[in-house]
Amino acid sequence: MKSNITSIFAFVGATLASAAAFAQVNYPSGHQPLEVFDGAAMQAAPILLKLWLALMMATFAAGIFFLRYHKAARWAVGGFIAMMATGELVFNALGLPLLSGGIALWHIICWTPALIILLMQRPFLDQNLSLRFRIWAFLMTVIILISFLFDIPDALAYINHFSP
């Protein structure tokens, strides 16, 4: 067990050291894994990406209406707030640039608990719950799953780029 912990700390240390060197690079604006997703990237993004982001934001925001009675909504909205509030802080603390691939990685970290609850409890199939909540739960599940189809390859590209 002690050697596993030592190996983990050695890996994290090596990753941070190599990341510090990469952090000095100026990355282009864009929505690819090793590009900065900034205002210019958003303006230049394809219309379908803009629509997807709007739908995703609206679905997470709609979860606010279900917070009081539904754990899945609390995890989804909480994961979204945590992602928005902490992403830049965490990446800065690690000395890593917050590129699109890093955002994808942060999506996976922050949204996975909600997805697990949604998939395990499947509230969208529970006829005892309100139709509005079931529709939201279904949309939230689909949105996270589709997002992960793009996030996982982008996160892997980001991790591979910054790994020693």
Protein backbone atom coordinates (compact mmCIF):
# COMPACT_ATOMS: atom_id res chain seq x y z
CA MET A 1 0.00 0.00 0.00
CA LYS A 2 2.80 2.40 0.90
CA SER A 3 4.49 1.88 -2.47
CA ASN A 4 1.19 2.65 -4.26
CA ILE A 5 0.89 5.95 -2.41
CA THR A 6 4.53 6.77 -3.15
CA SER A 7 3.94 5.99 -6.83
CA ILE A 8 0.87 8.22 -6.92
CA PHE A 9 2.75 11.14 -5.35
CA ALA A 10 5.68 10.62 -7.75
CA PHE A 11 3.30 10.64 -10.73
CA VAL A 12 1.50 13.77 -9.50
CA GLY A 13 4.83 15.52 -8.87
CA ALA A 14 6.18 14.64 -12.31
CA THR A 15 2.92 15.70 -13.95
CA LEU A 16 2.93 19.06 -12.16
CA ALA A 17 6.57 19.67 -13.07
CA SER A 18 5.97 18.97 -16.75
CA ALA A 19 2.71 20.91 -16.65
CA ALA A 20 4.51 24.00 -15.38
CA ALA A 21 6.66 23.97 -18.51
CA PHE A 22 3.61 23.57 -20.77
CA ALA A 23 1.72 26.32 -18.92
CA GLN A 24 4.15 28.87 -20.36
CA VAL A 25 3.02 28.05 -23.91
CA ASN A 26 0.53 30.35 -25.61
CA TYR A 27 -2.34 28.18 -26.78
CA PRO A 28 -4.64 29.31 -29.61
CA SER A 29 -8.26 30.18 -29.05
CA GLY A 30 -10.75 27.49 -30.05
CA HIS A 31 -12.81 24.54 -28.92
CA GLN A 32 -10.36 21.70 -29.57
CA PRO A 33 -8.77 19.93 -26.55
CA LEU A 34 -5.53 21.93 -26.60
CA GLU A 35 -7.09 25.32 -27.31
CA VAL A 36 -8.37 28.03 -24.98
CA PHE A 37 -12.17 28.22 -24.95
CA ASP A 38 -12.54 31.96 -24.46
CA GLY A 39 -14.87 34.65 -25.78
CA ALA A 40 -13.26 34.57 -29.22
CA ALA A 41 -13.66 30.79 -29.36
CA MET A 42 -17.30 31.09 -28.40
CA GLN A 43 -17.94 33.67 -31.11
CA ALA A 44 -16.18 31.51 -33.71
CA ALA A 45 -17.86 28.27 -32.57
CA PRO A 46 -20.23 26.53 -34.99
CA ILE A 47 -23.92 27.33 -34.45
CA LEU A 48 -24.64 23.72 -33.42
CA LEU A 49 -22.07 23.96 -30.62
CA LYS A 50 -23.62 27.21 -29.42
CA LEU A 51 -27.08 25.64 -29.45
CA TRP A 52 -25.77 22.57 -27.60
CA LEU A 53 -24.18 24.77 -24.91
CA ALA A 54 -27.41 26.74 -24.53
CA LEU A 55 -29.47 23.54 -24.18
CA MET A 56 -26.98 22.14 -21.68
CA MET A 57 -27.00 25.33 -19.58
CA ALA A 58 -30.81 25.53 -19.66
CA THR A 59 -31.17 21.90 -18.58
CA PHE A 60 -28.77 22.28 -15.67
CA ALA A 61 -30.50 25.53 -14.67
CA ALA A 62 -33.94 23.89 -14.81
CA GLY A 63 -32.73 21.47 -12.16
CA ILE A 64 -33.16 24.32 -9.66
CA PHE A 65 -36.91 23.67 -9.71
CA PHE A 66 -36.39 20.13 -8.41
CA LEU A 67 -33.74 20.68 -5.74
CA ARG A 68 -36.03 20.44 -2.75
CA TYR A 69 -37.34 16.93 -3.36
CA HIS A 70 -34.89 15.19 -5.69
CA LYS A 71 -31.34 14.11 -4.88
CA ALA A 72 -30.46 13.75 -8.57
CA ALA A 73 -31.27 17.42 -9.15
CA ARG A 74 -29.14 18.45 -6.16
CA TRP A 75 -26.17 16.47 -7.51
CA ALA A 76 -26.61 17.79 -11.07
CA VAL A 77 -27.01 21.44 -10.09
CA GLY A 78 -24.33 21.13 -7.41
CA GLY A 79 -21.93 19.54 -9.88
CA PHE A 80 -22.59 22.32 -12.37
CA ILE A 81 -22.03 25.03 -9.76
CA ALA A 82 -18.89 23.29 -8.49
CA MET A 83 -17.57 23.04 -12.05
CA MET A 84 -18.19 26.72 -12.76
CA ALA A 85 -16.90 27.95 -9.39
CA THR A 86 -13.78 25.84 -9.02
CA GLY A 87 -12.44 24.87 -12.44
CA GLU A 88 -10.16 27.83 -13.00
CA LEU A 89 -9.02 27.84 -9.36
CA VAL A 90 -8.04 24.17 -9.43
CA PHE A 91 -6.21 24.35 -12.74
CA ASN A 92 -4.35 27.50 -11.65
CA ALA A 93 -3.39 25.84 -8.35
CA LEU A 94 -2.00 22.88 -10.31
CA GLY A 95 -0.13 25.16 -12.69
CA LEU A 96 -2.11 23.87 -15.65
CA PRO A 97 -3.67 26.01 -18.37
CA LEU A 98 -7.45 25.70 -18.51
CA LEU A 99 -7.84 24.54 -22.10
CA SER A 100 -10.92 22.96 -23.66
CA GLY A 101 -9.59 19.50 -22.75
CA GLY A 102 -9.24 20.63 -19.14
CA ILE A 103 -12.82 21.86 -19.16
CA ALA A 104 -13.86 18.44 -20.48
CA LEU A 105 -11.92 16.76 -17.66
CA TRP A 106 -13.62 19.01 -15.12
CA HIS A 107 -17.04 18.14 -16.60
CA ILE A 108 -16.30 14.46 -16.05
CA ILE A 109 -15.13 15.01 -12.48
CA CYS A 110 -18.04 17.26 -11.47
CA TRP A 111 -20.93 15.61 -13.34
CA THR A 112 -20.20 11.92 -12.83
CA PRO A 113 -21.92 11.69 -9.40
CA ALA A 114 -25.16 13.06 -10.89
CA LEU A 115 -24.93 10.70 -13.86
CA ILE A 116 -24.39 7.71 -11.56
CA ILE A 117 -27.47 8.63 -9.51
CA LEU A 118 -29.56 9.22 -12.64
CA LEU A 119 -28.53 5.89 -14.15
CA MET A 120 -28.88 3.88 -10.95
CA GLN A 121 -32.21 5.33 -9.82
CA ARG A 122 -33.63 5.97 -13.30
CA PRO A 123 -36.14 8.55 -12.07
CA PHE A 124 -37.25 9.17 -15.65
CA LEU A 125 -38.96 5.74 -15.51
CA ASP A 126 -40.66 6.18 -12.13
CA GLN A 127 -44.39 6.78 -12.73
CA ASN A 128 -44.77 7.95 -9.11
CA LEU A 129 -42.70 11.07 -9.84
CA SER A 130 -44.02 14.17 -11.56
CA LEU A 131 -43.92 14.22 -15.34
CA ARG A 132 -41.91 17.46 -15.29
CA PHE A 133 -39.20 15.92 -13.14
CA ARG A 134 -39.13 12.73 -15.22
CA ILE A 135 -38.66 14.77 -18.41
CA TRP A 136 -35.91 16.84 -16.78
CA ALA A 137 -34.18 13.70 -15.43
CA PHE A 138 -34.29 12.10 -18.88
CA LEU A 139 -32.92 15.22 -20.58
CA MET A 140 -30.22 15.63 -17.92
CA THR A 141 -29.13 12.01 -18.34
CA VAL A 142 -28.99 12.26 -22.13
CA ILE A 143 -27.17 15.60 -22.03
CA ILE A 144 -24.48 14.34 -19.66
CA LEU A 145 -24.03 11.12 -21.66
CA ILE A 146 -23.73 12.98 -24.97
CA SER A 147 -21.41 15.53 -23.38
CA PHE A 148 -19.20 12.69 -22.11
CA LEU A 149 -18.94 11.26 -25.63
CA PHE A 150 -17.01 14.42 -26.50
CA ASP A 151 -15.50 15.14 -23.08
CA ILE A 152 -13.75 11.80 -22.61
CA PRO A 153 -11.61 11.96 -25.80
CA ASP A 154 -10.88 15.66 -25.16
CA ALA A 155 -9.92 14.99 -21.54
CA LEU A 156 -7.66 12.12 -22.61
CA ALA A 157 -5.94 14.36 -25.18
CA TYR A 158 -5.41 16.97 -22.46
CA ILE A 159 -4.07 14.42 -19.95
CA ASN A 160 -1.77 12.84 -22.56
CA HIS A 161 -0.42 16.26 -23.53
CA PHE A 162 0.49 17.17 -19.95
CA SER A 163 1.63 13.75 -18.73
CA PRO A 164 5.37 13.04 -18.60
